[in-house]
C-alpha atoms as a PDB file:
ATOM      1  CA  MET A   1     -82.776  90.056 -44.750  1.00  0.00           C
ATOM      2  CA  GLN A   2     -86.517  90.121 -44.130  1.00  0.00           C
ATOM      3  CA  ARG A   3     -86.992  87.310 -46.655  1.00  0.00           C
ATOM      4  CA  ARG A   4     -84.293  85.259 -44.927  1.00  0.00           C
ATOM      5  CA  LEU A   5     -85.998  85.653 -41.548  1.00  0.00           C
ATOM      6  CA  LEU A   6     -89.392  84.716 -42.972  1.00  0.00           C
ATOM      7  CA  THR A   7     -87.908  81.647 -44.676  1.00  0.00           C
ATOM      8  CA  SER A   8     -86.257  80.490 -41.459  1.00  0.00           C
ATOM      9  CA  MET A   9     -89.446  80.977 -39.439  1.00  0.00           C
ATOM     10  CA  PHE A  10     -91.460  79.117 -42.055  1.00  0.00           C
ATOM     11  CA  GLY A  11     -88.988  76.213 -41.999  1.00  0.00           C
ATOM     12  CA  VAL A  12     -89.118  75.997 -38.219  1.00  0.00           C
ATOM     13  CA  ALA A  13     -92.921  76.046 -38.284  1.00  0.00           C
ATOM     14  CA  VAL A  14     -93.003  73.221 -40.853  1.00  0.00           C
ATOM     15  CA  VAL A  15     -90.671  71.097 -38.737  1.00  0.00           C
ATOM     16  CA  ALA A  16     -92.760  71.689 -35.626  1.00  0.00           C
ATOM     17  CA  VAL A  17     -95.958  70.746 -37.457  1.00  0.00           C
ATOM     18  CA  LEU A  18     -94.369  67.566 -38.840  1.00  0.00           C
ATOM     19  CA  VAL A  19     -93.093  66.528 -35.401  1.00  0.00           C
ATOM     20  CA  VAL A  20     -96.425  67.116 -33.714  1.00  0.00           C
ATOM     21  CA  GLY A  21     -98.256  65.438 -36.604  1.00  0.00           C
ATOM     22  CA  ALA A  22     -96.051  62.392 -36.354  1.00  0.00           C
ATOM     23  CA  GLY A  23     -96.666  62.246 -32.631  1.00  0.00           C
ATOM     24  CA  LEU A  24    -100.415  62.413 -33.146  1.00  0.00           C
ATOM     25  CA  ALA A  25    -100.257  59.621 -35.734  1.00  0.00           C
ATOM     26  CA  LEU A  26     -98.358  57.425 -33.359  1.00  0.00           C
ATOM     27  CA  THR A  27    -100.756  58.180 -30.496  1.00  0.00           C
ATOM     28  CA  VAL A  28    -104.057  57.523 -32.209  1.00  0.00           C
ATOM     29  CA  GLY A  29    -102.922  54.746 -34.564  1.00  0.00           C
ATOM     30  CA  GLU A  30    -102.882  50.973 -33.966  1.00  0.00           C
ATOM     31  CA  HIS A  31     -99.109  50.776 -34.309  1.00  0.00           C
ATOM     32  CA  PRO A  32     -97.388  48.995 -31.405  1.00  0.00           C
ATOM     33  CA  ALA A  33     -95.134  52.025 -30.971  1.00  0.00           C
ATOM     34  CA  ARG A  34     -98.148  54.184 -30.079  1.00  0.00           C
ATOM     35  CA  LEU A  35     -97.064  56.904 -27.695  1.00  0.00           C
ATOM     36  CA  SER A  36     -98.762  58.169 -24.609  1.00  0.00           C
ATOM     37  CA  GLY A  37     -99.993  61.704 -24.164  1.00  0.00           C
ATOM     38  CA  VAL A  38     -96.986  62.481 -21.997  1.00  0.00           C
ATOM     39  CA  ARG A  39     -94.608  61.491 -24.773  1.00  0.00           C
ATOM     40  CA  LEU A  40     -96.576  63.614 -27.216  1.00  0.00           C
ATOM     41  CA  GLY A  41     -96.163  66.558 -24.890  1.00  0.00           C
ATOM     42  CA  VAL A  42     -92.426  65.914 -24.739  1.00  0.00           C
ATOM     43  CA  LEU A  43     -92.266  65.895 -28.550  1.00  0.00           C
ATOM     44  CA  ALA A  44     -94.177  69.168 -28.670  1.00  0.00           C
ATOM     45  CA  LEU A  45     -91.810  70.740 -26.147  1.00  0.00           C
ATOM     46  CA  ILE A  46     -88.819  69.531 -28.177  1.00  0.00           C
ATOM     47  CA  ALA A  47     -90.316  71.101 -31.313  1.00  0.00           C
ATOM     48  CA  VAL A  48     -90.950  74.383 -29.518  1.00  0.00           C
ATOM     49  CA  ALA A  49     -87.441  74.351 -28.061  1.00  0.00           C
ATOM     50  CA  ALA A  50     -85.949  73.699 -31.490  1.00  0.00           C
ATOM     51  CA  ALA A  51     -87.982  76.544 -32.963  1.00  0.00           C
ATOM     52  CA  PHE A  52     -86.881  78.858 -30.145  1.00  0.00           C
ATOM     53  CA  ALA A  53     -83.220  77.882 -30.588  1.00  0.00           C
ATOM     54  CA  VAL A  54     -83.281  78.491 -34.347  1.00  0.00           C
ATOM     55  CA  ALA A  55     -85.079  81.814 -33.869  1.00  0.00           C
ATOM     56  CA  LEU A  56     -82.532  82.849 -31.199  1.00  0.00           C
ATOM     57  CA  VAL A  57     -79.586  82.023 -33.460  1.00  0.00           C
ATOM     58  CA  GLN A  58     -81.140  83.903 -36.373  1.00  0.00           C
ATOM     59  CA  ALA A  59     -82.012  86.900 -34.196  1.00  0.00           C
ATOM     60  CA  ARG A  60     -78.489  86.977 -32.776  1.00  0.00           C
ATOM     61  CA  ARG A  61     -77.054  86.833 -36.293  1.00  0.00           C
ATOM     62  CA  VAL A  62     -78.970  90.014 -37.105  1.00  0.00           C
ATOM     63  CA  THR A  63     -78.900  91.945 -33.814  1.00  0.00           C
ATOM     64  CA  VAL A  64     -75.155  91.630 -33.150  1.00  0.00           C
ATOM     65  CA  PRO A  65     -74.167  93.261 -36.490  1.00  0.00           C
ATOM     66  CA  ALA A  66     -76.910  95.855 -36.013  1.00  0.00           C
ATOM     67  CA  ARG A  67     -75.444  96.776 -32.610  1.00  0.00           C
ATOM     68  CA  ASP A  68     -71.961  96.937 -34.133  1.00  0.00           C
ATOM     69  CA  LEU A  69     -73.199  99.302 -36.846  1.00  0.00           C
ATOM     70  CA  ALA A  70     -75.035 101.453 -34.293  1.00  0.00           C
ATOM     71  CA  ARG A  71     -71.853 101.761 -32.210  1.00  0.00           C
ATOM     72  CA  ALA A  72     -69.846 102.556 -35.343  1.00  0.00           C
ATOM     73  CA  ALA A  73     -72.351 105.271 -36.314  1.00  0.00           C
ATOM     74  CA  ASP A  74     -72.125 106.806 -32.814  1.00  0.00           C
ATOM     75  CA  ARG A  75     -68.337 106.663 -32.975  1.00  0.00           C
ATOM     76  CA  ILE A  76     -68.224 108.325 -36.397  1.00  0.00           C
ATOM     77  CA  GLY A  77     -70.692 110.971 -35.250  1.00  0.00           C
ATOM     78  CA  SER A  78     -68.390 111.837 -32.344  1.00  0.00           C
ATOM     79  CA  GLY A  79     -65.493 112.505 -34.742  1.00  0.00           C
ATOM     80  CA  ASP A  80     -63.714 109.145 -34.799  1.00  0.00           C
ATOM     81  CA  THR A  81     -62.883 108.596 -38.483  1.00  0.00           C
ATOM     82  CA  ARG A  82     -61.894 104.923 -38.286  1.00  0.00           C
ATOM     83  CA  PRO A  83     -63.830 102.862 -40.861  1.00  0.00           C
ATOM     84  CA  VAL A  84     -66.232 100.086 -39.872  1.00  0.00           C
ATOM     85  CA  GLY A  85     -64.094  97.514 -41.655  1.00  0.00           C
ATOM     86  CA  ARG A  86     -66.160  94.446 -40.801  1.00  0.00           C
ATOM     87  CA  ARG A  87     -68.721  92.779 -43.072  1.00  0.00           C
ATOM     88  CA  TYR A  88     -71.384  90.317 -41.857  1.00  0.00           C
ATOM     89  CA  GLY A  89     -72.538  88.287 -44.851  1.00  0.00           C
ATOM     90  CA  ILE A  90     -75.988  89.932 -44.760  1.00  0.00           C
ATOM     91  CA  ALA A  91     -76.484  92.041 -47.874  1.00  0.00           C
ATOM     92  CA  GLU A  92     -78.556  94.804 -46.278  1.00  0.00           C
ATOM     93  CA  LEU A  93     -76.248  95.267 -43.288  1.00  0.00           C
ATOM     94  CA  ASP A  94     -73.168  95.088 -45.492  1.00  0.00           C
ATOM     95  CA  ARG A  95     -74.589  97.931 -47.607  1.00  0.00           C
ATOM     96  CA  VAL A  96     -75.015  99.999 -44.439  1.00  0.00           C
ATOM     97  CA  ALA A  97     -71.392  99.262 -43.500  1.00  0.00           C
ATOM     98  CA  ASP A  98     -70.270 100.246 -47.023  1.00  0.00           C
ATOM     99  CA  GLY A  99     -72.168 103.522 -46.690  1.00  0.00           C
ATOM    100  CA  LEU A 100     -70.598 104.306 -43.318  1.00  0.00           C
ATOM    101  CA  ASP A 101     -67.107 103.553 -44.643  1.00  0.00           C
ATOM    102  CA  ALA A 102     -67.736 105.786 -47.666  1.00  0.00           C
ATOM    103  CA  ALA A 103     -68.938 108.581 -45.356  1.00  0.00           C
ATOM    104  CA  VAL A 104     -65.824 108.208 -43.197  1.00  0.00           C
ATOM    105  CA  GLN A 105     -63.588 108.418 -46.264  1.00  0.00           C
ATOM    106  CA  ARG A 106     -65.380 111.504 -47.521  1.00  0.00           C
ATOM    107  CA  VAL A 107     -65.150 113.238 -44.118  1.00  0.00           C
ATOM    108  CA  THR A 108     -61.453 112.380 -43.943  1.00  0.00           C
ATOM    109  CA  ASP A 109     -60.884 113.793 -47.425  1.00  0.00           C
ATOM    110  CA  LEU A 110     -62.776 116.978 -46.573  1.00  0.00           C
ATOM    111  CA  ILE A 111     -60.807 117.488 -43.348  1.00  0.00           C
ATOM    112  CA  SER A 112     -57.551 116.944 -45.225  1.00  0.00           C
ATOM    113  CA  ALA A 113     -58.647 119.373 -47.937  1.00  0.00           C
ATOM    114  CA  GLU A 114     -59.566 122.012 -45.352  1.00  0.00           C
ATOM    115  CA  GLN A 115     -56.188 121.621 -43.640  1.00  0.00           C
ATOM    116  CA  ASP A 116     -54.384 121.956 -46.961  1.00  0.00           C
ATOM    117  CA  PHE A 117     -56.478 124.978 -47.787  1.00  0.00           C
ATOM    118  CA  ALA A 118     -55.657 126.686 -44.479  1.00  0.00           C
ATOM    119  CA  VAL A 119     -51.912 126.120 -44.955  1.00  0.00           C
ATOM    120  CA  ASP A 120     -51.883 127.279 -48.577  1.00  0.00           C
ATOM    121  CA  ALA A 121     -54.171 130.235 -47.922  1.00  0.00           C
ATOM    122  CA  SER A 122     -51.937 131.479 -45.112  1.00  0.00           C
ATOM    123  CA  HIS A 123     -48.951 131.201 -47.444  1.00  0.00           C
ATOM    124  CA  GLN A 124     -50.736 133.031 -50.263  1.00  0.00           C
ATOM    125  CA  ILE A 125     -51.740 135.883 -47.941  1.00  0.00           C
ATOM    126  CA  ARG A 126     -48.354 136.130 -46.247  1.00  0.00           C
ATOM    127  CA  THR A 127     -46.455 136.521 -49.526  1.00  0.00           C
ATOM    128  CA  PRO A 128     -48.196 139.700 -50.797  1.00  0.00           C
ATOM    129  CA  LEU A 129     -48.313 141.134 -47.267  1.00  0.00           C
ATOM    130  CA  THR A 130     -44.557 140.737 -46.935  1.00  0.00           C
ATOM    131  CA  ALA A 131     -43.981 142.357 -50.329  1.00  0.00           C
ATOM    132  CA  LEU A 132     -46.393 145.179 -49.484  1.00  0.00           C
ATOM    133  CA  SER A 133     -44.598 145.821 -46.210  1.00  0.00           C
ATOM    134  CA  MET A 134     -41.257 146.061 -48.006  1.00  0.00           C
ATOM    135  CA  ARG A 135     -42.682 148.512 -50.537  1.00  0.00           C
ATOM    136  CA  LEU A 136     -44.070 150.725 -47.794  1.00  0.00           C
ATOM    137  CA  GLU A 137     -40.686 150.757 -46.079  1.00  0.00           C
ATOM    138  CA  GLU A 138     -39.102 151.847 -49.352  1.00  0.00           C
ATOM    139  CA  ILE A 139     -41.650 154.657 -49.659  1.00  0.00           C
ATOM    140  CA  VAL A 140     -40.831 155.893 -46.167  1.00  0.00           C
ATOM    141  CA  GLU A 141     -37.089 155.829 -46.881  1.00  0.00           C
ATOM    142  CA  ALA A 142     -37.549 157.627 -50.236  1.00  0.00           C
ATOM    143  CA  ALA A 143     -39.867 160.316 -48.914  1.00  0.00           C
ATOM    144  CA  ASP A 144     -37.636 163.079 -50.349  1.00  0.00           C
ATOM    145  CA  ASP A 145     -37.573 161.544 -53.852  1.00  0.00           C
ATOM    146  CA  PRO A 146     -40.973 161.971 -55.577  1.00  0.00           C
ATOM    147  CA  ARG A 147     -40.030 159.708 -58.478  1.00  0.00           C
ATOM    148  CA  ALA A 148     -39.052 156.837 -56.188  1.00  0.00           C
ATOM    149  CA  VAL A 149     -42.201 157.357 -54.124  1.00  0.00           C
ATOM    150  CA  ARG A 150     -44.341 157.082 -57.244  1.00  0.00           C
ATOM    151  CA  GLU A 151     -42.584 153.902 -58.392  1.00  0.00           C
ATOM    152  CA  GLU A 152     -42.763 152.235 -55.010  1.00  0.00           C
ATOM    153  CA  GLY A 153     -46.361 153.403 -54.576  1.00  0.00           C
ATOM    154  CA  ALA A 154     -47.353 151.810 -57.882  1.00  0.00           C
ATOM    155  CA  ALA A 155     -45.664 148.571 -56.840  1.00  0.00           C
ATOM    156  CA  ALA A 156     -47.453 148.706 -53.484  1.00  0.00           C
ATOM    157  CA  LEU A 157     -50.788 149.158 -55.254  1.00  0.00           C
ATOM    158  CA  ALA A 158     -50.032 146.113 -57.420  1.00  0.00           C
ATOM    159  CA  GLN A 159     -49.344 144.047 -54.314  1.00  0.00           C
ATOM    160  CA  THR A 160     -52.560 145.368 -52.760  1.00  0.00           C
ATOM    161  CA  ASP A 161     -54.517 144.239 -55.821  1.00  0.00           C
ATOM    162  CA  ARG A 162     -52.933 140.802 -55.554  1.00  0.00           C
ATOM    163  CA  LEU A 163     -53.859 140.584 -51.895  1.00  0.00           C
ATOM    164  CA  ALA A 164     -57.427 141.660 -52.681  1.00  0.00           C
ATOM    165  CA  GLN A 165     -57.621 138.873 -55.276  1.00  0.00           C
ATOM    166  CA  VAL A 166     -56.509 136.300 -52.713  1.00  0.00           C
ATOM    167  CA  VAL A 167     -59.046 137.552 -50.178  1.00  0.00           C
ATOM    168  CA  SER A 168     -61.821 137.421 -52.797  1.00  0.00           C
ATOM    169  CA  GLU A 169     -61.018 133.789 -53.516  1.00  0.00           C
ATOM    170  CA  LEU A 170     -61.004 132.989 -49.804  1.00  0.00           C
ATOM    171  CA  LEU A 171     -64.388 134.685 -49.414  1.00  0.00           C
ATOM    172  CA  GLY A 172     -65.652 132.573 -52.293  1.00  0.00           C
ATOM    173  CA  ARG A 173     -64.576 129.498 -50.382  1.00  0.00           C
ATOM    174  CA  ALA A 174     -66.393 130.781 -47.285  1.00  0.00           C
ATOM    175  CA  ARG A 175     -69.568 131.272 -49.343  1.00  0.00           C
ATOM    176  CA  ARG A 176     -69.204 127.700 -50.556  1.00  0.00           C
ATOM    177  CA  SER A 177     -69.006 126.455 -46.956  1.00  0.00           C
ATOM    178  CA  SER A 178     -72.310 128.152 -46.144  1.00  0.00           C
ATOM    179  CA  SER A 179     -74.091 127.160 -49.346  1.00  0.00           C
ATOM    180  CA  GLY A 180     -75.912 124.266 -47.699  1.00  0.00           C
ATOM    181  CA  ALA A 181     -76.169 120.549 -48.198  1.00  0.00           C
ATOM    182  CA  PRO A 182     -76.368 119.038 -51.683  1.00  0.00           C
ATOM    183  CA  ARG A 183     -79.831 118.734 -53.209  1.00  0.00           C
ATOM    184  CA  LEU A 184     -81.348 118.072 -56.603  1.00  0.00           C
ATOM    185  CA  CYS A 185     -80.770 121.232 -58.685  1.00  0.00           C
ATOM    186  CA  ARG A 186     -81.517 122.323 -62.256  1.00  0.00           C
ATOM    187  CA  LEU A 187     -78.226 123.067 -63.971  1.00  0.00           C
ATOM    188  CA  ASP A 188     -79.940 125.360 -66.506  1.00  0.00           C
ATOM    189  CA  GLU A 189     -80.821 127.783 -63.707  1.00  0.00           C
ATOM    190  CA  ILE A 190     -77.331 127.798 -62.209  1.00  0.00           C
ATOM    191  CA  ILE A 191     -75.703 128.307 -65.620  1.00  0.00           C
ATOM    192  CA  GLY A 192     -78.196 131.028 -66.555  1.00  0.00           C
ATOM    193  CA  GLN A 193     -77.449 132.864 -63.338  1.00  0.00           C
ATOM    194  CA  GLN A 194     -73.700 132.791 -64.023  1.00  0.00           C
ATOM    195  CA  VAL A 195     -74.162 133.967 -67.614  1.00  0.00           C
ATOM    196  CA  THR A 196     -76.228 136.912 -66.366  1.00  0.00           C
ATOM    197  CA  GLU A 197     -73.530 137.860 -63.842  1.00  0.00           C
ATOM    198  CA  TRP A 198     -70.545 137.526 -66.186  1.00  0.00           C
ATOM    199  CA  GLU A 199     -71.976 138.769 -69.484  1.00  0.00           C
ATOM    200  CA  PRO A 200     -71.284 142.476 -68.785  1.00  0.00           C
ATOM    201  CA  ALA A 201     -67.598 141.757 -68.057  1.00  0.00           C
ATOM    202  CA  PHE A 202     -67.238 139.747 -71.280  1.00  0.00           C
ATOM    203  CA  ARG A 203     -69.100 142.379 -73.253  1.00  0.00           C
ATOM    204  CA  SER A 204     -66.703 145.056 -71.957  1.00  0.00           C
ATOM    205  CA  ALA A 205     -63.838 142.913 -73.281  1.00  0.00           C
ATOM    206  CA  SER A 206     -65.623 142.577 -76.664  1.00  0.00           C
ATOM    207  CA  ARG A 207     -66.203 138.895 -76.020  1.00  0.00           C
ATOM    208  CA  ALA A 208     -69.298 136.709 -75.590  1.00  0.00           C
ATOM    209  CA  ILE A 209     -70.641 133.743 -73.641  1.00  0.00           C
ATOM    210  CA  GLU A 210     -72.690 131.052 -75.363  1.00  0.00           C
ATOM    211  CA  VAL A 211     -74.663 128.166 -73.854  1.00  0.00           C
ATOM    212  CA  ALA A 212     -75.088 124.930 -75.805  1.00  0.00           C
ATOM    213  CA  GLY A 213     -75.862 121.253 -75.317  1.00  0.00           C
ATOM    214  CA  GLU A 214     -78.669 119.380 -73.594  1.00  0.00           C
ATOM    215  CA  ARG A 215     -81.248 121.264 -71.565  1.00  0.00           C
ATOM    216  CA  GLY A 216     -83.199 120.222 -68.511  1.00  0.00           C
ATOM    217  CA  LEU A 217     -80.331 118.342 -66.833  1.00  0.00           C
ATOM    218  CA  VAL A 218     -80.354 117.972 -63.049  1.00  0.00           C
ATOM    219  CA  ALA A 219     -77.675 116.950 -60.560  1.00  0.00           C
ATOM    220  CA  TYR A 220     -77.545 116.231 -56.845  1.00  0.00           C
ATOM    221  CA  VAL A 221     -75.279 119.154 -55.841  1.00  0.00           C
ATOM    222  CA  SER A 222     -75.174 122.366 -53.826  1.00  0.00           C
ATOM    223  CA  ALA A 223     -76.180 125.309 -56.009  1.00  0.00           C
ATOM    224  CA  GLY A 224     -73.625 127.617 -54.369  1.00  0.00           C
ATOM    225  CA  GLY A 225     -70.824 125.129 -54.979  1.00  0.00           C
ATOM    226  CA  VAL A 226     -71.559 124.692 -58.686  1.00  0.00           C
ATOM    227  CA  SER A 227     -71.930 128.469 -59.067  1.00  0.00           C
ATOM    228  CA  GLN A 228     -68.527 129.005 -57.495  1.00  0.00           C
ATOM    229  CA  VAL A 229     -66.870 126.425 -59.754  1.00  0.00           C
ATOM    230  CA  LEU A 230     -68.429 127.930 -62.895  1.00  0.00           C
ATOM    231  CA  ALA A 231     -67.526 131.448 -61.743  1.00  0.00           C
ATOM    232  CA  THR A 232     -63.902 130.364 -61.342  1.00  0.00           C
ATOM    233  CA  LEU A 233     -63.830 128.825 -64.831  1.00  0.00           C
ATOM    234  CA  LEU A 234     -65.442 131.901 -66.410  1.00  0.00           C
ATOM    235  CA  ASP A 235     -63.060 134.216 -64.572  1.00  0.00           C
ATOM    236  CA  ASN A 236     -60.153 132.062 -65.730  1.00  0.00           C
ATOM    237  CA  ALA A 237     -61.410 132.185 -69.347  1.00  0.00           C
ATOM    238  CA  LEU A 238     -61.862 135.954 -69.155  1.00  0.00           C
ATOM    239  CA  ALA A 239     -58.394 136.575 -67.720  1.00  0.00           C
ATOM    240  CA  HIS A 240     -56.364 134.052 -69.703  1.00  0.00           C
ATOM    241  CA  GLY A 241     -58.488 133.029 -72.699  1.00  0.00           C
ATOM    242  CA  GLU A 242     -59.678 134.625 -75.897  1.00  0.00           C
ATOM    243  CA  GLY A 243     -62.755 134.744 -78.114  1.00  0.00           C
ATOM    244  CA  THR A 244     -66.163 133.302 -77.294  1.00  0.00           C
ATOM    245  CA  VAL A 245     -66.606 131.165 -74.177  1.00  0.00           C
ATOM    246  CA  THR A 246     -68.956 128.213 -74.641  1.00  0.00           C
ATOM    247  CA  ILE A 247     -70.708 126.461 -71.761  1.00  0.00           C
ATOM    248  CA  ARG A 248     -71.871 123.054 -73.005  1.00  0.00           C
ATOM    249  CA  THR A 249     -73.991 120.583 -71.021  1.00  0.00           C
ATOM    250  CA  SER A 250     -74.280 116.859 -71.723  1.00  0.00           C
ATOM    251  CA  GLN A 251     -74.913 113.576 -69.974  1.00  0.00           C
ATOM    252  CA  THR A 252     -73.852 109.949 -70.055  1.00  0.00           C
ATOM    253  CA  PRO A 253     -75.582 106.965 -68.429  1.00  0.00           C
ATOM    254  CA  ARG A 254     -73.577 107.656 -65.278  1.00  0.00           C
ATOM    255  CA  SER A 255     -72.648 111.347 -65.341  1.00  0.00           C
ATOM    256  CA  VAL A 256     -73.832 114.899 -65.921  1.00  0.00           C
ATOM    257  CA  VAL A 257     -71.158 117.081 -67.556  1.00  0.00           C
ATOM    258  CA  VAL A 258     -70.716 120.861 -67.858  1.00  0.00           C
ATOM    259  CA  GLU A 259     -67.856 121.997 -70.126  1.00  0.00           C
ATOM    260  CA  VAL A 260     -66.381 125.503 -70.285  1.00  0.00           C
ATOM    261  CA  LYS A 261     -64.247 126.229 -73.367  1.00  0.00           C
ATOM    262  CA  ASP A 262     -62.706 129.376 -74.834  1.00  0.00           C
ATOM    263  CA  GLU A 263     -60.848 130.075 -78.087  1.00  0.00           C
ATOM    264  CA  GLY A 264     -57.502 131.148 -76.686  1.00  0.00           C
ATOM    265  CA  LYS A 265     -54.028 129.627 -76.809  1.00  0.00           C
ATOM    266  CA  GLY A 266     -54.868 127.296 -73.943  1.00  0.00           C
ATOM    267  CA  VAL A 267     -52.789 125.927 -71.100  1.00  0.00           C
ATOM    268  CA  PRO A 268     -49.017 125.747 -71.638  1.00  0.00           C
ATOM    269  CA  PRO A 269     -47.818 122.134 -72.006  1.00  0.00           C
ATOM    270  CA  GLU A 270     -45.534 122.403 -68.984  1.00  0.00           C
ATOM    271  CA  LEU A 271     -48.504 123.367 -66.777  1.00  0.00           C
ATOM    272  CA  ALA A 272     -51.201 121.077 -68.162  1.00  0.00           C
ATOM    273  CA  HIS A 273     -50.520 118.222 -65.745  1.00  0.00           C
ATOM    274  CA  ARG A 274     -50.165 120.591 -62.763  1.00  0.00           C
ATOM    275  CA  ILE A 275     -52.923 123.094 -63.488  1.00  0.00           C
ATOM    276  CA  PHE A 276     -54.969 122.147 -60.382  1.00  0.00           C
ATOM    277  CA  GLU A 277     -52.051 122.278 -57.974  1.00  0.00           C
ATOM    278  CA  ARG A 278     -52.045 125.104 -55.461  1.00  0.00           C
ATOM    279  CA  SER A 279     -49.732 128.013 -56.252  1.00  0.00           C
ATOM    280  CA  VAL A 280     -49.545 126.991 -59.945  1.00  0.00           C
ATOM    281  CA  SER A 281     -50.476 129.823 -62.324  1.00  0.00           C
ATOM    282  CA  GLY A 282     -49.503 130.556 -65.881  1.00  0.00           C
ATOM    283  CA  ALA A 283     -50.075 134.301 -65.870  1.00  0.00           C
ATOM    284  CA  GLY A 284     -49.141 135.801 -62.524  1.00  0.00           C
ATOM    285  CA  GLY A 285     -52.311 134.773 -60.685  1.00  0.00           C
ATOM    286  CA  THR A 286     -52.512 133.522 -57.117  1.00  0.00           C
ATOM    287  CA  GLY A 287     -52.748 129.845 -58.093  1.00  0.00           C
ATOM    288  CA  LEU A 288     -55.688 129.319 -55.725  1.00  0.00           C
ATOM    289  CA  GLY A 289     -58.676 129.575 -58.068  1.00  0.00           C
ATOM    290  CA  LEU A 290     -58.614 126.258 -59.916  1.00  0.00           C
ATOM    291  CA  ALA A 291     -57.330 124.361 -56.875  1.00  0.00           C
ATOM    292  CA  LEU A 292     -60.255 125.634 -54.811  1.00  0.00           C
ATOM    293  CA  ALA A 293     -62.716 124.941 -57.635  1.00  0.00           C
ATOM    294  CA  LYS A 294     -61.526 121.335 -57.844  1.00  0.00           C
ATOM    295  CA  SER A 295     -61.907 120.957 -54.077  1.00  0.00           C
ATOM    296  CA  ILE A 296     -65.428 122.416 -54.207  1.00  0.00           C
ATOM    297  CA  ALA A 297     -66.478 120.056 -57.004  1.00  0.00           C
ATOM    298  CA  SER A 298     -65.053 117.116 -55.048  1.00  0.00           C
ATOM    299  CA  SER A 299     -67.026 118.063 -51.935  1.00  0.00           C
ATOM    300  CA  ASP A 300     -70.217 117.723 -54.016  1.00  0.00           C
ATOM    301  CA  GLY A 301     -69.181 114.244 -55.131  1.00  0.00           C
ATOM    302  CA  GLY A 302     -67.996 115.440 -58.562  1.00  0.00           C
ATOM    303  CA  GLN A 303     -64.715 116.218 -60.236  1.00  0.00           C
ATOM    304  CA  LEU A 304     -63.164 119.071 -62.209  1.00  0.00           C
ATOM    305  CA  VAL A 305     -60.844 118.027 -65.047  1.00  0.00           C
ATOM    306  CA  LEU A 306     -58.914 119.599 -67.902  1.00  0.00           C
ATOM    307  CA  VAL A 307     -60.365 117.899 -70.974  1.00  0.00           C
ATOM    308  CA  ARG A 308     -58.121 119.602 -73.554  1.00  0.00           C
ATOM    309  CA  PRO A 309     -55.250 122.025 -72.959  1.00  0.00           C
ATOM    310  CA  ARG A 310     -55.625 123.782 -76.369  1.00  0.00           C
ATOM    311  CA  PRO A 311     -58.036 125.398 -76.620  1.00  0.00           C
ATOM    312  CA  ALA A 312     -58.548 125.245 -72.865  1.00  0.00           C
ATOM    313  CA  THR A 313     -61.575 123.064 -72.123  1.00  0.00           C
ATOM    314  CA  PHE A 314     -62.520 122.304 -68.528  1.00  0.00           C
ATOM    315  CA  ALA A 315     -65.301 119.915 -67.509  1.00  0.00           C
ATOM    316  CA  VAL A 316     -67.247 119.611 -64.261  1.00  0.00           C
ATOM    317  CA  ILE A 317     -68.552 116.049 -63.906  1.00  0.00           C
ATOM    318  CA  PHE A 318     -71.218 115.005 -61.394  1.00  0.00           C
ATOM    319  CA  PRO A 319     -72.769 111.558 -60.841  1.00  0.00           C
ATOM    320  CA  GLN A 320     -76.069 110.989 -62.622  1.00  0.00           C
ATOM    321  CA  PRO A 321     -78.879 111.148 -60.000  1.00  0.00           C
ATOM    322  CA  ALA A 322     -81.049 108.071 -59.519  1.00  0.00           C
ATOM    323  CA  ARG A 323     -84.092 107.905 -61.783  1.00  0.00           C
ATOM    324  CA  GLU A 324     -86.568 108.317 -58.923  1.00  0.00           C
ATOM    325  CA  GLU A 325     -84.707 111.444 -57.727  1.00  0.00           C
ATOM    326  CA  ARG A 326     -85.137 113.352 -61.001  1.00  0.00           C
ATOM    327  CA  GLN A 327     -88.824 114.167 -60.635  1.00  0.00           C
ATOM    328  CA  GLU A 328     -88.857 117.321 -58.498  1.00  0.00           C
ATOM    329  CA  PRO A 329     -85.517 119.166 -58.495  1.00  0.00           C
ATOM    330  CA  ALA A 330     -85.116 121.959 -55.985  1.00  0.00           C
ATOM    331  CA  VAL A 331     -85.624 125.522 -57.158  1.00  0.00           C
ATOM    332  CA  THR A 332     -82.309 127.303 -56.824  1.00  0.00           C
ATOM    333  CA  GLY A 333     -81.866 130.910 -55.895  1.00  0.00           C
ATOM    334  CA  PRO A 334     -78.926 133.263 -56.137  1.00  0.00           C
ATOM    335  CA  ALA A 335     -75.655 131.781 -54.916  1.00  0.00           C
END
C-alpha cells in the first residue's frame, strides 16, 4: 500500500513537472504559440489541481476502507460477531479484514463450545446427583435392614465417586480458562512436568511413562491448556490402557505434534469415530474428559485426534510457529 501511494505521488509529480516544463518552453521559445505568463500560471494551477485530485482519490481509496475496518473492530469488540465480509482490493487492508473475520469465527466457536459445555456439564452433574438421591432414599427406607443399608451405602459411595470425577474435570476446565493467553512455550518443559506428576501413579500400577522423539520443540500455546490436554490423555491411558505409555514429539513443516500411545487393547471399533463426543465412554467414565481436551486444544488453535484406535494413539497437533517467533520461548511454570 505504501509503495502504491509513493508510485502515484511520483507519477503526479512527473506530470506536473512536464506540464510546467512545456509551458516554460513555449513561453521563452521563438515559437509563434509562445504563451504569456498568465497562461503559464493557468497551466501550473491545472497541474496542481490535477495532482490534488489524484491525491484525493488515492487518499479516499485508502481512508474509507480504513474507517470501515476501524468500525468493524469497534463492533467486534463490543460483542457483535458479524464478520467484516467486505474486501477492498488493497492487499494490506484485505489481510486486516481476513484477520478480523478469523477472530470473529474463533470467538463464535469458543462461545458455542462454552454453551455446549455448560449444557453437557449440567447434565453430567444432574445424573449422578439424581442417582445418589435415590440411593439415600433407599437407605432411609431400609434403616432396619443392615444388609440393605450396606448395599445401598456402597452404591451411594460409587455415585459419589462418579460425581467427584465430574467435578474434577470441571475444575480442570476452570483452570484452563484462567491459564492465560497463548504464548511461545517449550514443549519439553510441559511434558516433563506432566511426567513428574503422573509417574508415581503409573509406578503404583507397575507401569511406566517414556518420552521419545525430537527435543527442543516450541509452540504458540497456553502452558496450562497443553498440560490439561496431556493430563487427560495420561489419565485415559492409565485408566483404560495397558503397558508402557510413550509420549513422542515430532514436527512437520507446518505442525508440531505430541503423541500419547499405550500398549493396551485400544478403542473399541464402535466408539472410534465417536470417541470425542460428549457422554461417550467405553468403560463407565463420565464421557467429558476427551471432549473437554479436544475443546481445550482447539482454543489454542490446535487439534486433538485419534491417530490409531489399536493400540490407542492420540495426537495433539499445533501450528508451527513462525521462524522469527522461535528465538525466545516463554519459560513455563507449573500449570
